ModelCIF file with pLDDT and N, C-alpha, C, O atoms, coordinates in Angstrom:
data_MODEL
#
_entry.id   MODEL 
#
_entity.id                         1 
_entity.type                       polymer 
_entity.pdbx_number_of_molecules   1 
#
_entity_poly.entity_id                      1 
_entity_poly.type                           'polypeptide(L)' 
_entity_poly.nstd_linkage                   no 
_entity_poly.nstd_monomer                   no 
_entity_poly.pdbx_seq_one_letter_code       LSVAMADPSDAALIDDLQFLTQFEIDAVGVGEHTLRQRIDRSYE 
_entity_poly.pdbx_seq_one_letter_code_can   LSVAMADPSDAALIDDLQFLTQFEIDAVGVGEHTLRQRIDRSYE 
_entity_poly.pdbx_strand_id                 A 
#
loop_
_entity_poly_seq.entity_id 
_entity_poly_seq.num 
_entity_poly_seq.mon_id 
_entity_poly_seq.hetero 
1 1  LEU n 
1 2  SER n 
1 3  VAL n 
1 4  ALA n 
1 5  MET n 
1 6  ALA n 
1 7  ASP n 
1 8  PRO n 
1 9  SER n 
1 10 ASP n 
1 11 ALA n 
1 12 ALA n 
1 13 LEU n 
1 14 ILE n 
1 15 ASP n 
1 16 ASP n 
1 17 LEU n 
1 18 GLN n 
1 19 PHE n 
1 20 LEU n 
1 21 THR n 
1 22 GLN n 
1 23 PHE n 
1 24 GLU n 
1 25 ILE n 
1 26 ASP n 
1 27 ALA n 
1 28 VAL n 
1 29 GLY n 
1 30 VAL n 
1 31 GLY n 
1 32 GLU n 
1 33 HIS n 
1 34 THR n 
1 35 LEU n 
1 36 ARG n 
1 37 GLN n 
1 38 ARG n 
1 39 ILE n 
1 40 ASP n 
1 41 ARG n 
1 42 SER n 
1 43 TYR n 
1 44 GLU n 
#
_struct_asym.id          A 
_struct_asym.entity_id   1 
#
loop_
_ma_qa_metric.id 
_ma_qa_metric.mode 
_ma_qa_metric.name 
_ma_qa_metric.software_group_id 
_ma_qa_metric.type 
1 global pLDDT . pLDDT 
2 local  pLDDT . pLDDT 
#
_ma_qa_metric_global.metric_id      1 
_ma_qa_metric_global.metric_value   84.09 
_ma_qa_metric_global.model_id       1 
_ma_qa_metric_global.ordinal_id     1 
#
loop_
_ma_qa_metric_local.label_asym_id 
_ma_qa_metric_local.label_comp_id 
_ma_qa_metric_local.label_seq_id 
_ma_qa_metric_local.metric_id 
_ma_qa_metric_local.metric_value 
_ma_qa_metric_local.model_id 
_ma_qa_metric_local.ordinal_id 
A LEU 1  2 88.00 1 1  
A SER 2  2 89.00 1 2  
A VAL 3  2 90.00 1 3  
A ALA 4  2 90.00 1 4  
A MET 5  2 90.00 1 5  
A ALA 6  2 88.00 1 6  
A ASP 7  2 86.00 1 7  
A PRO 8  2 87.00 1 8  
A SER 9  2 87.00 1 9  
A ASP 10 2 86.00 1 10 
A ALA 11 2 84.00 1 11 
A ALA 12 2 80.00 1 12 
A LEU 13 2 85.00 1 13 
A ILE 14 2 87.00 1 14 
A ASP 15 2 79.00 1 15 
A ASP 16 2 76.00 1 16 
A LEU 17 2 83.00 1 17 
A GLN 18 2 81.00 1 18 
A PHE 19 2 72.00 1 19 
A LEU 20 2 74.00 1 20 
A THR 21 2 76.00 1 21 
A GLN 22 2 75.00 1 22 
A PHE 23 2 84.00 1 23 
A GLU 24 2 88.00 1 24 
A ILE 25 2 91.00 1 25 
A ASP 26 2 90.00 1 26 
A ALA 27 2 90.00 1 27 
A VAL 28 2 89.00 1 28 
A GLY 29 2 88.00 1 29 
A VAL 30 2 87.00 1 30 
A GLY 31 2 84.00 1 31 
A GLU 32 2 82.00 1 32 
A HIS 33 2 80.00 1 33 
A THR 34 2 82.00 1 34 
A LEU 35 2 87.00 1 35 
A ARG 36 2 85.00 1 36 
A GLN 37 2 83.00 1 37 
A ARG 38 2 86.00 1 38 
A ILE 39 2 86.00 1 39 
A ASP 40 2 82.00 1 40 
A ARG 41 2 83.00 1 41 
A SER 42 2 84.00 1 42 
A TYR 43 2 80.00 1 43 
A GLU 44 2 76.00 1 44 
#
loop_
_atom_site.group_PDB 
_atom_site.id 
_atom_site.type_symbol 
_atom_site.label_atom_id 
_atom_site.label_alt_id 
_atom_site.label_comp_id 
_atom_site.label_asym_id 
_atom_site.label_entity_id 
_atom_site.label_seq_id 
_atom_site.pdbx_PDB_ins_code 
_atom_site.Cartn_x 
_atom_site.Cartn_y 
_atom_site.Cartn_z 
_atom_site.occupancy 
_atom_site.B_iso_or_equiv 
_atom_site.pdbx_formal_charge 
_atom_site.auth_seq_id 
_atom_site.auth_comp_id 
_atom_site.auth_asym_id 
_atom_site.auth_atom_id 
_atom_site.pdbx_PDB_model_num 
ATOM 1   N N  . LEU A 1 1  ? 0.858   -1.189 0.000  1.00 88.00 ? 1  LEU A N  1 
ATOM 2   C CA . LEU A 1 1  ? 0.000   0.000  0.000  1.00 88.00 ? 1  LEU A CA 1 
ATOM 3   C C  . LEU A 1 1  ? 0.890   1.232  0.000  1.00 88.00 ? 1  LEU A C  1 
ATOM 4   O O  . LEU A 1 1  ? 1.700   1.416  0.908  1.00 88.00 ? 1  LEU A O  1 
ATOM 5   N N  . SER A 1 2  ? 0.742   2.079  -1.018 1.00 89.00 ? 2  SER A N  1 
ATOM 6   C CA . SER A 1 2  ? 1.484   3.342  -1.073 1.00 89.00 ? 2  SER A CA 1 
ATOM 7   C C  . SER A 1 2  ? 0.748   4.370  -0.231 1.00 89.00 ? 2  SER A C  1 
ATOM 8   O O  . SER A 1 2  ? -0.454  4.583  -0.391 1.00 89.00 ? 2  SER A O  1 
ATOM 9   N N  . VAL A 1 3  ? 1.493   5.005  0.672  1.00 90.00 ? 3  VAL A N  1 
ATOM 10  C CA . VAL A 1 3  ? 0.905   5.973  1.596  1.00 90.00 ? 3  VAL A CA 1 
ATOM 11  C C  . VAL A 1 3  ? 1.734   7.254  1.569  1.00 90.00 ? 3  VAL A C  1 
ATOM 12  O O  . VAL A 1 3  ? 2.949   7.218  1.763  1.00 90.00 ? 3  VAL A O  1 
ATOM 13  N N  . ALA A 1 4  ? 1.068   8.395  1.325  1.00 90.00 ? 4  ALA A N  1 
ATOM 14  C CA . ALA A 1 4  ? 1.730   9.687  1.402  1.00 90.00 ? 4  ALA A CA 1 
ATOM 15  C C  . ALA A 1 4  ? 1.874   10.077 2.862  1.00 90.00 ? 4  ALA A C  1 
ATOM 16  O O  . ALA A 1 4  ? 0.914   9.998  3.628  1.00 90.00 ? 4  ALA A O  1 
ATOM 17  N N  . MET A 1 5  ? 3.090   10.505 3.257  1.00 90.00 ? 5  MET A N  1 
ATOM 18  C CA . MET A 1 5  ? 3.369   10.853 4.639  1.00 90.00 ? 5  MET A CA 1 
ATOM 19  C C  . MET A 1 5  ? 4.180   12.132 4.692  1.00 90.00 ? 5  MET A C  1 
ATOM 20  O O  . MET A 1 5  ? 5.014   12.388 3.824  1.00 90.00 ? 5  MET A O  1 
ATOM 21  N N  . ALA A 1 6  ? 3.932   12.932 5.715  1.00 88.00 ? 6  ALA A N  1 
ATOM 22  C CA . ALA A 1 6  ? 4.745   14.135 5.909  1.00 88.00 ? 6  ALA A CA 1 
ATOM 23  C C  . ALA A 1 6  ? 6.164   13.759 6.319  1.00 88.00 ? 6  ALA A C  1 
ATOM 24  O O  . ALA A 1 6  ? 7.114   14.466 5.980  1.00 88.00 ? 6  ALA A O  1 
ATOM 25  N N  . ASP A 1 7  ? 6.319   12.651 7.047  1.00 86.00 ? 7  ASP A N  1 
ATOM 26  C CA . ASP A 1 7  ? 7.641   12.191 7.486  1.00 86.00 ? 7  ASP A CA 1 
ATOM 27  C C  . ASP A 1 7  ? 7.773   10.711 7.146  1.00 86.00 ? 7  ASP A C  1 
ATOM 28  O O  . ASP A 1 7  ? 7.423   9.865  7.970  1.00 86.00 ? 7  ASP A O  1 
ATOM 29  N N  . PRO A 1 8  ? 8.267   10.374 5.960  1.00 87.00 ? 8  PRO A N  1 
ATOM 30  C CA . PRO A 1 8  ? 8.364   8.962  5.551  1.00 87.00 ? 8  PRO A CA 1 
ATOM 31  C C  . PRO A 1 8  ? 9.387   8.169  6.349  1.00 87.00 ? 8  PRO A C  1 
ATOM 32  O O  . PRO A 1 8  ? 9.485   6.954  6.175  1.00 87.00 ? 8  PRO A O  1 
ATOM 33  N N  . SER A 1 9  ? 10.156  8.823  7.221  1.00 87.00 ? 9  SER A N  1 
ATOM 34  C CA . SER A 1 9  ? 11.135  8.101  8.041  1.00 87.00 ? 9  SER A CA 1 
ATOM 35  C C  . SER A 1 9  ? 10.579  7.730  9.411  1.00 87.00 ? 9  SER A C  1 
ATOM 36  O O  . SER A 1 9  ? 11.303  7.162  10.229 1.00 87.00 ? 9  SER A O  1 
ATOM 37  N N  . ASP A 1 10 ? 9.300   8.041  9.683  1.00 86.00 ? 10 ASP A N  1 
ATOM 38  C CA . ASP A 1 10 ? 8.674   7.752  10.982 1.00 86.00 ? 10 ASP A CA 1 
ATOM 39  C C  . ASP A 1 10 ? 8.352   6.255  11.058 1.00 86.00 ? 10 ASP A C  1 
ATOM 40  O O  . ASP A 1 10 ? 7.268   5.827  10.661 1.00 86.00 ? 10 ASP A O  1 
ATOM 41  N N  . ALA A 1 11 ? 9.301   5.467  11.569 1.00 84.00 ? 11 ALA A N  1 
ATOM 42  C CA . ALA A 1 11 ? 9.142   4.015  11.595 1.00 84.00 ? 11 ALA A CA 1 
ATOM 43  C C  . ALA A 1 11 ? 7.979   3.569  12.474 1.00 84.00 ? 11 ALA A C  1 
ATOM 44  O O  . ALA A 1 11 ? 7.295   2.597  12.154 1.00 84.00 ? 11 ALA A O  1 
ATOM 45  N N  . ALA A 1 12 ? 7.751   4.282  13.590 1.00 80.00 ? 12 ALA A N  1 
ATOM 46  C CA . ALA A 1 12 ? 6.658   3.897  14.482 1.00 80.00 ? 12 ALA A CA 1 
ATOM 47  C C  . ALA A 1 12 ? 5.311   4.064  13.797 1.00 80.00 ? 12 ALA A C  1 
ATOM 48  O O  . ALA A 1 12 ? 4.434   3.209  13.927 1.00 80.00 ? 12 ALA A O  1 
ATOM 49  N N  . LEU A 1 13 ? 5.142   5.162  13.066 1.00 85.00 ? 13 LEU A N  1 
ATOM 50  C CA . LEU A 1 13 ? 3.891   5.390  12.354 1.00 85.00 ? 13 LEU A CA 1 
ATOM 51  C C  . LEU A 1 13 ? 3.714   4.381  11.231 1.00 85.00 ? 13 LEU A C  1 
ATOM 52  O O  . LEU A 1 13 ? 2.606   3.897  10.999 1.00 85.00 ? 13 LEU A O  1 
ATOM 53  N N  . ILE A 1 14 ? 4.797   4.061  10.535 1.00 87.00 ? 14 ILE A N  1 
ATOM 54  C CA . ILE A 1 14 ? 4.723   3.047  9.480  1.00 87.00 ? 14 ILE A CA 1 
ATOM 55  C C  . ILE A 1 14 ? 4.310   1.707  10.071 1.00 87.00 ? 14 ILE A C  1 
ATOM 56  O O  . ILE A 1 14 ? 3.521   0.971  9.479  1.00 87.00 ? 14 ILE A O  1 
ATOM 57  N N  . ASP A 1 15 ? 4.856   1.399  11.249 1.00 79.00 ? 15 ASP A N  1 
ATOM 58  C CA . ASP A 1 15 ? 4.500   0.158  11.925 1.00 79.00 ? 15 ASP A CA 1 
ATOM 59  C C  . ASP A 1 15 ? 3.009   0.131  12.261 1.00 79.00 ? 15 ASP A C  1 
ATOM 60  O O  . ASP A 1 15 ? 2.344   -0.885 12.061 1.00 79.00 ? 15 ASP A O  1 
ATOM 61  N N  . ASP A 1 16 ? 2.489   1.245  12.770 1.00 76.00 ? 16 ASP A N  1 
ATOM 62  C CA . ASP A 1 16 ? 1.064   1.319  13.083 1.00 76.00 ? 16 ASP A CA 1 
ATOM 63  C C  . ASP A 1 16 ? 0.214   1.187  11.825 1.00 76.00 ? 16 ASP A C  1 
ATOM 64  O O  . ASP A 1 16 ? -0.833  0.540  11.846 1.00 76.00 ? 16 ASP A O  1 
ATOM 65  N N  . LEU A 1 17 ? 0.662   1.798  10.729 1.00 83.00 ? 17 LEU A N  1 
ATOM 66  C CA . LEU A 1 17 ? -0.085  1.700  9.482  1.00 83.00 ? 17 LEU A CA 1 
ATOM 67  C C  . LEU A 1 17 ? -0.118  0.260  8.971  1.00 83.00 ? 17 LEU A C  1 
ATOM 68  O O  . LEU A 1 17 ? -1.139  -0.205 8.464  1.00 83.00 ? 17 LEU A O  1 
ATOM 69  N N  . GLN A 1 18 ? 1.010   -0.440 9.110  1.00 81.00 ? 18 GLN A N  1 
ATOM 70  C CA . GLN A 1 18 ? 1.030   -1.836 8.669  1.00 81.00 ? 18 GLN A CA 1 
ATOM 71  C C  . GLN A 1 18 ? 0.072   -2.687 9.499  1.00 81.00 ? 18 GLN A C  1 
ATOM 72  O O  . GLN A 1 18 ? -0.644  -3.535 8.966  1.00 81.00 ? 18 GLN A O  1 
ATOM 73  N N  . PHE A 1 19 ? 0.069   -2.446 10.814 1.00 72.00 ? 19 PHE A N  1 
ATOM 74  C CA . PHE A 1 19 ? -0.831  -3.198 11.675 1.00 72.00 ? 19 PHE A CA 1 
ATOM 75  C C  . PHE A 1 19 ? -2.294  -2.877 11.356 1.00 72.00 ? 19 PHE A C  1 
ATOM 76  O O  . PHE A 1 19 ? -3.150  -3.762 11.336 1.00 72.00 ? 19 PHE A O  1 
ATOM 77  N N  . LEU A 1 20 ? -2.558  -1.602 11.108 1.00 74.00 ? 20 LEU A N  1 
ATOM 78  C CA . LEU A 1 20 ? -3.931  -1.170 10.819 1.00 74.00 ? 20 LEU A CA 1 
ATOM 79  C C  . LEU A 1 20 ? -4.434  -1.726 9.492  1.00 74.00 ? 20 LEU A C  1 
ATOM 80  O O  . LEU A 1 20 ? -5.562  -2.215 9.412  1.00 74.00 ? 20 LEU A O  1 
ATOM 81  N N  . THR A 1 21 ? -3.608  -1.656 8.452  1.00 76.00 ? 21 THR A N  1 
ATOM 82  C CA . THR A 1 21 ? -4.066  -2.019 7.118  1.00 76.00 ? 21 THR A CA 1 
ATOM 83  C C  . THR A 1 21 ? -3.774  -3.461 6.735  1.00 76.00 ? 21 THR A C  1 
ATOM 84  O O  . THR A 1 21 ? -4.404  -4.008 5.830  1.00 76.00 ? 21 THR A O  1 
ATOM 85  N N  . GLN A 1 22 ? -2.798  -4.089 7.436  1.00 75.00 ? 22 GLN A N  1 
ATOM 86  C CA . GLN A 1 22 ? -2.341  -5.438 7.105  1.00 75.00 ? 22 GLN A CA 1 
ATOM 87  C C  . GLN A 1 22 ? -1.700  -5.500 5.714  1.00 75.00 ? 22 GLN A C  1 
ATOM 88  O O  . GLN A 1 22 ? -1.748  -6.535 5.048  1.00 75.00 ? 22 GLN A O  1 
ATOM 89  N N  . PHE A 1 23 ? -1.102  -4.388 5.282  1.00 84.00 ? 23 PHE A N  1 
ATOM 90  C CA . PHE A 1 23 ? -0.327  -4.344 4.040  1.00 84.00 ? 23 PHE A CA 1 
ATOM 91  C C  . PHE A 1 23 ? 1.092   -3.889 4.365  1.00 84.00 ? 23 PHE A C  1 
ATOM 92  O O  . PHE A 1 23 ? 1.334   -3.251 5.390  1.00 84.00 ? 23 PHE A O  1 
ATOM 93  N N  . GLU A 1 24 ? 2.026   -4.228 3.475  1.00 88.00 ? 24 GLU A N  1 
ATOM 94  C CA . GLU A 1 24 ? 3.336   -3.604 3.536  1.00 88.00 ? 24 GLU A CA 1 
ATOM 95  C C  . GLU A 1 24 ? 3.184   -2.155 3.087  1.00 88.00 ? 24 GLU A C  1 
ATOM 96  O O  . GLU A 1 24 ? 2.382   -1.854 2.204  1.00 88.00 ? 24 GLU A O  1 
ATOM 97  N N  . ILE A 1 25 ? 3.954   -1.264 3.694  1.00 91.00 ? 25 ILE A N  1 
ATOM 98  C CA . ILE A 1 25 ? 3.777   0.163  3.473  1.00 91.00 ? 25 ILE A CA 1 
ATOM 99  C C  . ILE A 1 25 ? 4.909   0.725  2.616  1.00 91.00 ? 25 ILE A C  1 
ATOM 100 O O  . ILE A 1 25 ? 6.086   0.562  2.939  1.00 91.00 ? 25 ILE A O  1 
ATOM 101 N N  . ASP A 1 26 ? 4.541   1.388  1.524  1.00 90.00 ? 26 ASP A N  1 
ATOM 102 C CA . ASP A 1 26 ? 5.477   2.138  0.696  1.00 90.00 ? 26 ASP A CA 1 
ATOM 103 C C  . ASP A 1 26 ? 5.269   3.612  1.035  1.00 90.00 ? 26 ASP A C  1 
ATOM 104 O O  . ASP A 1 26 ? 4.313   4.227  0.565  1.00 90.00 ? 26 ASP A O  1 
ATOM 105 N N  . ALA A 1 27 ? 6.164   4.183  1.853  1.00 90.00 ? 27 ALA A N  1 
ATOM 106 C CA . ALA A 1 27 ? 5.999   5.543  2.343  1.00 90.00 ? 27 ALA A CA 1 
ATOM 107 C C  . ALA A 1 27 ? 6.491   6.549  1.309  1.00 90.00 ? 27 ALA A C  1 
ATOM 108 O O  . ALA A 1 27 ? 7.632   6.467  0.855  1.00 90.00 ? 27 ALA A O  1 
ATOM 109 N N  . VAL A 1 28 ? 5.633   7.499  0.935  1.00 89.00 ? 28 VAL A N  1 
ATOM 110 C CA . VAL A 1 28 ? 5.943   8.520  -0.063 1.00 89.00 ? 28 VAL A CA 1 
ATOM 111 C C  . VAL A 1 28 ? 5.983   9.872  0.636  1.00 89.00 ? 28 VAL A C  1 
ATOM 112 O O  . VAL A 1 28 ? 4.992   10.275 1.245  1.00 89.00 ? 28 VAL A O  1 
ATOM 113 N N  . GLY A 1 29 ? 7.101   10.580 0.562  1.00 88.00 ? 29 GLY A N  1 
ATOM 114 C CA . GLY A 1 29 ? 7.222   11.877 1.209  1.00 88.00 ? 29 GLY A CA 1 
ATOM 115 C C  . GLY A 1 29 ? 6.477   12.971 0.475  1.00 88.00 ? 29 GLY A C  1 
ATOM 116 O O  . GLY A 1 29 ? 6.643   13.139 -0.734 1.00 88.00 ? 29 GLY A O  1 
ATOM 117 N N  . VAL A 1 30 ? 5.650   13.722 1.203  1.00 87.00 ? 30 VAL A N  1 
ATOM 118 C CA . VAL A 1 30 ? 4.882   14.839 0.637  1.00 87.00 ? 30 VAL A CA 1 
ATOM 119 C C  . VAL A 1 30 ? 4.931   15.995 1.628  1.00 87.00 ? 30 VAL A C  1 
ATOM 120 O O  . VAL A 1 30 ? 4.891   15.774 2.838  1.00 87.00 ? 30 VAL A O  1 
ATOM 121 N N  . GLY A 1 31 ? 5.016   17.222 1.131  1.00 84.00 ? 31 GLY A N  1 
ATOM 122 C CA . GLY A 1 31 ? 5.033   18.385 2.002  1.00 84.00 ? 31 GLY A CA 1 
ATOM 123 C C  . GLY A 1 31 ? 3.795   18.450 2.888  1.00 84.00 ? 31 GLY A C  1 
ATOM 124 O O  . GLY A 1 31 ? 2.696   18.091 2.465  1.00 84.00 ? 31 GLY A O  1 
ATOM 125 N N  . GLU A 1 32 ? 3.990   18.920 4.145  1.00 82.00 ? 32 GLU A N  1 
ATOM 126 C CA . GLU A 1 32 ? 2.903   18.896 5.124  1.00 82.00 ? 32 GLU A CA 1 
ATOM 127 C C  . GLU A 1 32 ? 1.688   19.717 4.673  1.00 82.00 ? 32 GLU A C  1 
ATOM 128 O O  . GLU A 1 32 ? 0.550   19.262 4.785  1.00 82.00 ? 32 GLU A O  1 
ATOM 129 N N  . HIS A 1 33 ? 1.937   20.920 4.168  1.00 80.00 ? 33 HIS A N  1 
ATOM 130 C CA . HIS A 1 33 ? 0.818   21.772 3.748  1.00 80.00 ? 33 HIS A CA 1 
ATOM 131 C C  . HIS A 1 33 ? 0.030   21.126 2.605  1.00 80.00 ? 33 HIS A C  1 
ATOM 132 O O  . HIS A 1 33 ? -1.199  21.070 2.637  1.00 80.00 ? 33 HIS A O  1 
ATOM 133 N N  . THR A 1 34 ? 0.753   20.644 1.604  1.00 82.00 ? 34 THR A N  1 
ATOM 134 C CA . THR A 1 34 ? 0.095   19.991 0.469  1.00 82.00 ? 34 THR A CA 1 
ATOM 135 C C  . THR A 1 34 ? -0.661  18.751 0.922  1.00 82.00 ? 34 THR A C  1 
ATOM 136 O O  . THR A 1 34 ? -1.787  18.502 0.489  1.00 82.00 ? 34 THR A O  1 
ATOM 137 N N  . LEU A 1 35 ? -0.030  17.977 1.799  1.00 87.00 ? 35 LEU A N  1 
ATOM 138 C CA . LEU A 1 35 ? -0.644  16.732 2.240  1.00 87.00 ? 35 LEU A CA 1 
ATOM 139 C C  . LEU A 1 35 ? -1.926  17.008 3.027  1.00 87.00 ? 35 LEU A C  1 
ATOM 140 O O  . LEU A 1 35 ? -2.924  16.310 2.851  1.00 87.00 ? 35 LEU A O  1 
ATOM 141 N N  . ARG A 1 36 ? -1.903  18.007 3.880  1.00 85.00 ? 36 ARG A N  1 
ATOM 142 C CA . ARG A 1 36 ? -3.098  18.320 4.668  1.00 85.00 ? 36 ARG A CA 1 
ATOM 143 C C  . ARG A 1 36 ? -4.268  18.687 3.743  1.00 85.00 ? 36 ARG A C  1 
ATOM 144 O O  . ARG A 1 36 ? -5.402  18.265 3.968  1.00 85.00 ? 36 ARG A O  1 
ATOM 145 N N  . GLN A 1 37 ? -3.978  19.472 2.708  1.00 83.00 ? 37 GLN A N  1 
ATOM 146 C CA . GLN A 1 37 ? -5.028  19.829 1.754  1.00 83.00 ? 37 GLN A CA 1 
ATOM 147 C C  . GLN A 1 37 ? -5.540  18.602 1.015  1.00 83.00 ? 37 GLN A C  1 
ATOM 148 O O  . GLN A 1 37 ? -6.745  18.450 0.815  1.00 83.00 ? 37 GLN A O  1 
ATOM 149 N N  . ARG A 1 38 ? -4.625  17.725 0.607  1.00 86.00 ? 38 ARG A N  1 
ATOM 150 C CA . ARG A 1 38 ? -5.017  16.532 -0.145 1.00 86.00 ? 38 ARG A CA 1 
ATOM 151 C C  . ARG A 1 38 ? -5.863  15.593 0.716  1.00 86.00 ? 38 ARG A C  1 
ATOM 152 O O  . ARG A 1 38 ? -6.813  14.987 0.219  1.00 86.00 ? 38 ARG A O  1 
ATOM 153 N N  . ILE A 1 39 ? -5.530  15.468 1.999  1.00 86.00 ? 39 ILE A N  1 
ATOM 154 C CA . ILE A 1 39 ? -6.316  14.609 2.888  1.00 86.00 ? 39 ILE A CA 1 
ATOM 155 C C  . ILE A 1 39 ? -7.748  15.125 2.980  1.00 86.00 ? 39 ILE A C  1 
ATOM 156 O O  . ILE A 1 39 ? -8.702  14.358 2.852  1.00 86.00 ? 39 ILE A O  1 
ATOM 157 N N  . ASP A 1 40 ? -7.890  16.434 3.204  1.00 82.00 ? 40 ASP A N  1 
ATOM 158 C CA . ASP A 1 40 ? -9.230  17.011 3.318  1.00 82.00 ? 40 ASP A CA 1 
ATOM 159 C C  . ASP A 1 40 ? -10.033 16.815 2.050  1.00 82.00 ? 40 ASP A C  1 
ATOM 160 O O  . ASP A 1 40 ? -11.196 16.412 2.092  1.00 82.00 ? 40 ASP A O  1 
ATOM 161 N N  . ARG A 1 41 ? -9.391  17.107 0.897  1.00 83.00 ? 41 ARG A N  1 
ATOM 162 C CA . ARG A 1 41 ? -10.125 16.994 -0.369 1.00 83.00 ? 41 ARG A CA 1 
ATOM 163 C C  . ARG A 1 41 ? -10.475 15.552 -0.701 1.00 83.00 ? 41 ARG A C  1 
ATOM 164 O O  . ARG A 1 41 ? -11.576 15.268 -1.175 1.00 83.00 ? 41 ARG A O  1 
ATOM 165 N N  . SER A 1 42 ? -9.542  14.643 -0.453 1.00 84.00 ? 42 SER A N  1 
ATOM 166 C CA . SER A 1 42 ? -9.771  13.240 -0.825 1.00 84.00 ? 42 SER A CA 1 
ATOM 167 C C  . SER A 1 42 ? -10.914 12.634 -0.033 1.00 84.00 ? 42 SER A C  1 
ATOM 168 O O  . SER A 1 42 ? -11.789 11.991 -0.612 1.00 84.00 ? 42 SER A O  1 
ATOM 169 N N  . TYR A 1 43 ? -10.927 12.826 1.285  1.00 80.00 ? 43 TYR A N  1 
ATOM 170 C CA . TYR A 1 43 ? -11.984 12.216 2.087  1.00 80.00 ? 43 TYR A CA 1 
ATOM 171 C C  . TYR A 1 43 ? -13.317 12.918 1.869  1.00 80.00 ? 43 TYR A C  1 
ATOM 172 O O  . TYR A 1 43 ? -14.365 12.273 1.907  1.00 80.00 ? 43 TYR A O  1 
ATOM 173 N N  . GLU A 1 44 ? -13.296 14.240 1.638  1.00 76.00 ? 44 GLU A N  1 
ATOM 174 C CA . GLU A 1 44 ? -14.540 14.928 1.330  1.00 76.00 ? 44 GLU A CA 1 
ATOM 175 C C  . GLU A 1 44 ? -15.121 14.438 0.009  1.00 76.00 ? 44 GLU A C  1 
ATOM 176 O O  . GLU A 1 44 ? -16.176 14.909 -0.414 1.00 76.00 ? 44 GLU A O  1 
#
């Protein structure tokens, strides 16, 4: 599962994502401001 993250080096968060989704995580670095906007738009 490819996941956009503000900090792709956050191993603890990646671990939680793997446990939550039951997929291997491909962490993609994205700027925080851009990512916050994309999260809001995508879920809306």
